[in-house]
Amino acid sequence: MNLDNQYRTTILKKEIVDAIVDIHIETSSVLIWQNQKENRVITKVKIENIDFINNSITLSPFSNKDIENFKIIKLNSTIYLKGKTKSIVFKNTAVAKKNKLGNIDIQIPETVKMFENRSVPRMIFSFHNPKKTAEIFPGGNSDISVKPFSVELNDVSNSGMGFLLEKKHSRFFIEKDQIKIAKIAHYQFPKPILGKIIFTSTTPDSFGQFRVGLLFNEKLSNEILNILKLTA
């Protein structure tokens, strides 16, 4: 792989973080390259968690067969986050450490090489005025909410979406929980669809808001995405 031809360098923090979130939502693999003598050893891992407060990501073995290689990973190895539409490569030179669970915590770098290939782009709603919203019900198949929450959309792709809500409602949104989505922007679903919460966070620049990332149980069709694109 020729990085100079296929990848571009970026220092934009939001672009780097958004790409990492995309890869986490897709549950795509992360490859760690280690040069041992004349051979390259590649270990397959996954993003276990994203910590926006400490600007770090946690990596764990992708499957049981990767555990042994994971135990001997050098913390200054090359990290290759291979997403379905975005990929990132960087040399991990910052401080990294094994945590109590045996997973690896690494700092999100300030500079990466990035490659993007999207047949259907992610829709970004966060910079629109007025803001775009979605209507959702916490609790998944259990109807614990009579009225839907109206949340501020951040972005939508065919595999998931991100949104912001007031911190006082954060107790209703726990990682791995299922929620129902009734409406995205101006598109009302004939029947609410389900999504799984794959990350939650409170960031210093969120102005008292709580950020949630969802992975849809079933991908949105290109037709629906095109309708959403018209409203973006």
Protein backbone atom coordinates (compact mmCIF):
# COMPACT_ATOMS: atom_id res chain seq x y z
CA MET A 1 0.00 0.00 0.00
CA ASN A 2 1.46 3.32 -1.06
CA LEU A 3 0.32 5.78 1.60
CA ASP A 4 1.60 8.82 -0.28
CA ASN A 5 -0.63 8.04 -3.27
CA GLN A 6 -3.75 6.85 -1.49
CA TYR A 7 -3.78 8.79 1.77
CA ARG A 8 -3.78 12.47 2.69
CA THR A 9 -2.49 14.02 5.89
CA THR A 10 -4.95 15.81 8.15
CA ILE A 11 -4.59 17.68 11.45
CA LEU A 12 -8.29 18.54 11.81
CA LYS A 13 -9.31 17.17 15.21
CA LYS A 14 -13.03 16.88 14.40
CA GLU A 15 -12.31 15.02 11.16
CA ILE A 16 -10.02 12.56 12.95
CA VAL A 17 -12.48 11.94 15.80
CA ASP A 18 -15.47 11.60 13.44
CA ALA A 19 -13.57 9.01 11.39
CA ILE A 20 -12.70 7.02 14.52
CA VAL A 21 -16.36 7.16 15.61
CA ASP A 22 -17.43 5.90 12.16
CA ILE A 23 -15.03 2.97 12.38
CA HIS A 24 -16.26 2.20 15.89
CA ILE A 25 -19.91 2.27 14.74
CA GLU A 26 -19.07 -0.07 11.86
CA THR A 27 -17.29 -2.43 14.31
CA SER A 28 -14.51 -2.54 11.72
CA SER A 29 -11.17 -4.10 12.51
CA VAL A 30 -8.04 -2.25 13.55
CA LEU A 31 -4.71 -3.65 12.39
CA ILE A 32 -1.52 -3.13 14.39
CA TRP A 33 1.68 -3.55 12.42
CA GLN A 34 4.87 -4.62 14.17
CA ASN A 35 8.18 -5.13 12.43
CA GLN A 36 10.00 -8.06 14.03
CA LYS A 37 13.39 -8.66 12.46
CA GLU A 38 12.62 -9.00 8.73
CA ASN A 39 8.97 -9.91 9.17
CA ARG A 40 5.85 -7.82 9.68
CA VAL A 41 3.47 -9.18 12.31
CA ILE A 42 -0.12 -7.93 12.00
CA THR A 43 -2.49 -8.21 14.96
CA LYS A 44 -6.23 -7.71 14.48
CA VAL A 45 -7.91 -5.68 17.23
CA LYS A 46 -11.07 -3.61 17.71
CA ILE A 47 -12.01 -0.28 19.25
CA GLU A 48 -13.47 -1.12 22.64
CA ASN A 49 -14.18 2.43 23.77
CA ILE A 50 -13.65 6.09 22.83
CA ASP A 51 -12.86 8.49 25.69
CA PHE A 52 -13.47 12.05 24.50
CA ILE A 53 -12.55 13.59 27.84
CA ASN A 54 -9.06 12.02 27.92
CA ASN A 55 -8.70 12.08 24.12
CA SER A 56 -7.99 8.36 23.90
CA ILE A 57 -9.27 5.11 22.45
CA THR A 58 -9.15 1.64 24.00
CA LEU A 59 -8.16 -1.35 21.87
CA SER A 60 -8.94 -5.00 22.63
CA PRO A 61 -8.39 -8.31 20.75
CA PHE A 62 -10.73 -8.70 17.77
CA SER A 63 -11.36 -12.38 18.53
CA ASN A 64 -10.01 -15.19 20.71
CA LYS A 65 -7.41 -16.17 18.10
CA ASP A 66 -5.87 -12.67 18.35
CA ILE A 67 -5.32 -12.74 22.12
CA GLU A 68 -1.78 -14.19 22.11
CA ASN A 69 -0.46 -11.66 19.58
CA PHE A 70 -2.28 -8.89 21.48
CA LYS A 71 -0.35 -9.72 24.67
CA ILE A 72 3.01 -8.97 23.02
CA ILE A 73 2.07 -5.83 21.06
CA LYS A 74 4.69 -3.10 21.16
CA LEU A 75 2.97 0.12 22.16
CA ASN A 76 4.83 2.24 19.60
CA SER A 77 3.55 0.20 16.65
CA THR A 78 1.84 1.45 13.49
CA ILE A 79 -1.94 1.63 13.93
CA TYR A 80 -4.18 1.05 10.91
CA LEU A 81 -7.89 1.71 11.51
CA LYS A 82 -9.52 0.14 8.47
CA GLY A 83 -13.11 1.31 8.10
CA LYS A 84 -15.60 0.47 5.38
CA THR A 85 -15.54 4.04 4.05
CA LYS A 86 -12.73 5.74 5.97
CA SER A 87 -9.32 4.47 7.03
CA ILE A 88 -6.62 6.02 9.21
CA VAL A 89 -2.93 5.21 9.57
CA PHE A 90 -0.60 6.64 12.20
CA LYS A 91 2.53 5.73 14.10
CA ASN A 92 1.71 5.56 17.78
CA THR A 93 4.46 7.68 19.34
CA ALA A 94 2.46 9.07 22.28
CA VAL A 95 2.24 7.42 25.69
CA ALA A 96 0.24 4.19 25.54
CA LYS A 97 -0.48 1.76 28.34
CA LYS A 98 -2.19 -1.48 29.23
CA ASN A 99 -5.21 -0.95 31.48
CA LYS A 100 -6.52 -3.16 34.31
CA LEU A 101 -8.49 -5.30 31.86
CA GLY A 102 -5.38 -5.96 29.77
CA ASN A 103 -6.57 -3.73 26.92
CA ILE A 104 -4.51 -0.92 25.41
CA ASP A 105 -5.27 2.78 25.88
CA ILE A 106 -3.72 5.05 23.23
CA GLN A 107 -3.97 8.78 22.67
CA ILE A 108 -5.87 10.05 19.64
CA PRO A 109 -3.08 11.57 17.50
CA GLU A 110 -2.92 15.18 16.32
CA THR A 111 -1.85 14.15 12.80
CA VAL A 112 -2.90 11.12 10.76
CA LYS A 113 -2.94 9.86 7.20
CA MET A 114 -6.54 9.40 6.10
CA PHE A 115 -8.27 7.71 3.20
CA GLU A 116 -11.99 8.15 2.46
CA ASN A 117 -14.15 6.30 -0.03
CA ARG A 118 -17.88 6.80 0.46
CA SER A 119 -20.39 5.74 -2.20
CA VAL A 120 -23.08 7.44 -0.08
CA PRO A 121 -21.70 10.28 2.05
CA ARG A 122 -22.58 10.78 5.67
CA MET A 123 -25.00 13.67 6.15
CA ILE A 124 -23.76 16.30 8.57
CA PHE A 125 -26.55 18.26 10.27
CA SER A 126 -24.76 19.92 13.18
CA PHE A 127 -23.91 23.17 11.41
CA HIS A 128 -27.41 23.91 10.08
CA ASN A 129 -29.54 26.77 11.32
CA PRO A 130 -32.22 25.97 12.29
CA LYS A 131 -30.97 22.67 13.70
CA LYS A 132 -32.26 19.38 12.33
CA THR A 133 -33.86 17.02 14.82
CA ALA A 134 -34.84 13.37 15.21
CA GLU A 135 -37.62 11.82 17.27
CA ILE A 136 -36.60 8.80 19.34
CA PHE A 137 -37.92 6.56 22.11
CA PRO A 138 -35.54 5.09 24.70
CA GLY A 139 -36.18 1.54 25.80
CA GLY A 140 -36.22 -0.28 22.45
CA ASN A 141 -39.08 -2.76 22.32
CA SER A 142 -40.24 -1.70 25.79
CA ASP A 143 -42.49 1.34 25.55
CA ILE A 144 -41.22 3.18 28.62
CA SER A 145 -41.73 6.61 27.05
CA VAL A 146 -45.18 7.85 26.01
CA LYS A 147 -43.80 10.79 24.09
CA PRO A 148 -40.67 10.74 21.93
CA PHE A 149 -37.55 12.69 22.74
CA SER A 150 -36.67 15.38 20.23
CA VAL A 151 -32.88 15.37 19.83
CA GLU A 152 -30.48 17.48 17.79
CA LEU A 153 -28.99 15.56 14.88
CA ASN A 154 -25.24 15.59 14.41
CA ASP A 155 -24.85 13.16 11.50
CA VAL A 156 -26.48 10.22 9.73
CA SER A 157 -25.04 7.43 7.57
CA ASN A 158 -26.60 4.23 6.29
CA SER A 159 -25.25 2.32 9.31
CA GLY A 160 -25.87 4.73 12.17
CA MET A 161 -26.37 8.26 13.45
CA GLY A 162 -25.15 10.64 16.11
CA PHE A 163 -27.19 13.13 18.10
CA LEU A 164 -27.07 15.54 21.02
CA LEU A 165 -29.52 15.90 23.88
CA GLU A 166 -29.74 17.70 27.20
CA LYS A 167 -27.64 16.17 29.96
CA LYS A 168 -30.68 15.83 32.22
CA HIS A 169 -31.99 13.15 29.84
CA SER A 170 -28.70 11.19 29.73
CA ARG A 171 -29.95 8.65 32.31
CA PHE A 172 -32.29 7.26 29.65
CA PHE A 173 -29.44 6.48 27.24
CA ILE A 174 -26.99 3.77 28.32
CA GLU A 175 -24.41 2.05 26.10
CA LYS A 176 -25.65 -1.21 24.51
CA ASP A 177 -29.30 -0.25 25.09
CA GLN A 178 -31.75 -0.34 22.19
CA ILE A 179 -33.83 2.69 21.22
CA LYS A 180 -36.53 3.29 18.64
CA ILE A 181 -36.18 5.98 15.97
CA ALA A 182 -39.48 7.39 14.72
CA LYS A 183 -38.25 10.27 12.59
CA ILE A 184 -34.98 11.63 11.18
CA ALA A 185 -35.10 15.24 10.00
CA HIS A 186 -38.28 15.41 7.86
CA TYR A 187 -38.41 11.67 7.16
CA GLN A 188 -41.07 9.83 9.18
CA PHE A 189 -40.55 6.06 9.25
CA PRO A 190 -43.69 4.03 8.46
CA LYS A 191 -42.71 1.96 11.51
CA PRO A 192 -40.03 3.02 14.05
CA ILE A 193 -36.65 1.40 13.45
CA LEU A 194 -34.28 0.12 16.13
CA GLY A 195 -30.75 1.23 16.93
CA LYS A 196 -28.16 0.19 19.51
CA ILE A 197 -26.28 2.79 21.56
CA ILE A 198 -22.59 2.13 20.92
CA PHE A 199 -21.13 5.17 22.68
CA THR A 200 -22.11 8.09 24.91
CA SER A 201 -20.01 11.04 25.99
CA THR A 202 -19.96 14.49 27.48
CA THR A 203 -17.44 16.79 25.85
CA PRO A 204 -16.15 20.17 27.08
CA ASP A 205 -17.41 21.93 23.93
CA SER A 206 -20.93 20.42 23.97
CA PHE A 207 -22.50 23.34 25.91
CA GLY A 208 -24.29 21.21 28.47
CA GLN A 209 -25.26 18.52 25.96
CA PHE A 210 -24.80 14.76 25.92
CA ARG A 211 -23.57 13.02 22.77
CA VAL A 212 -24.90 9.62 21.68
CA GLY A 213 -23.86 7.35 18.80
CA LEU A 214 -26.20 4.70 17.39
CA LEU A 215 -25.70 1.64 15.23
CA PHE A 216 -28.88 0.81 13.29
CA ASN A 217 -30.09 -2.79 13.56
CA GLU A 218 -30.71 -2.66 9.80
CA LYS A 219 -28.93 -0.30 7.43
CA LEU A 220 -30.86 2.56 5.89
CA SER A 221 -31.46 2.23 2.17
CA ASN A 222 -29.80 4.60 -0.30
CA GLU A 223 -33.28 5.84 -1.16
CA ILE A 224 -33.85 7.03 2.42
CA LEU A 225 -30.39 8.58 2.55
CA ASN A 226 -31.12 10.50 -0.64
CA ILE A 227 -34.33 11.83 0.93
CA LEU A 228 -32.34 12.91 4.01
CA LYS A 229 -29.75 14.53 1.76
CA LEU A 230 -32.45 16.80 0.33
CA THR A 231 -33.28 17.99 3.84
CA ALA A 232 -29.63 18.48 4.90
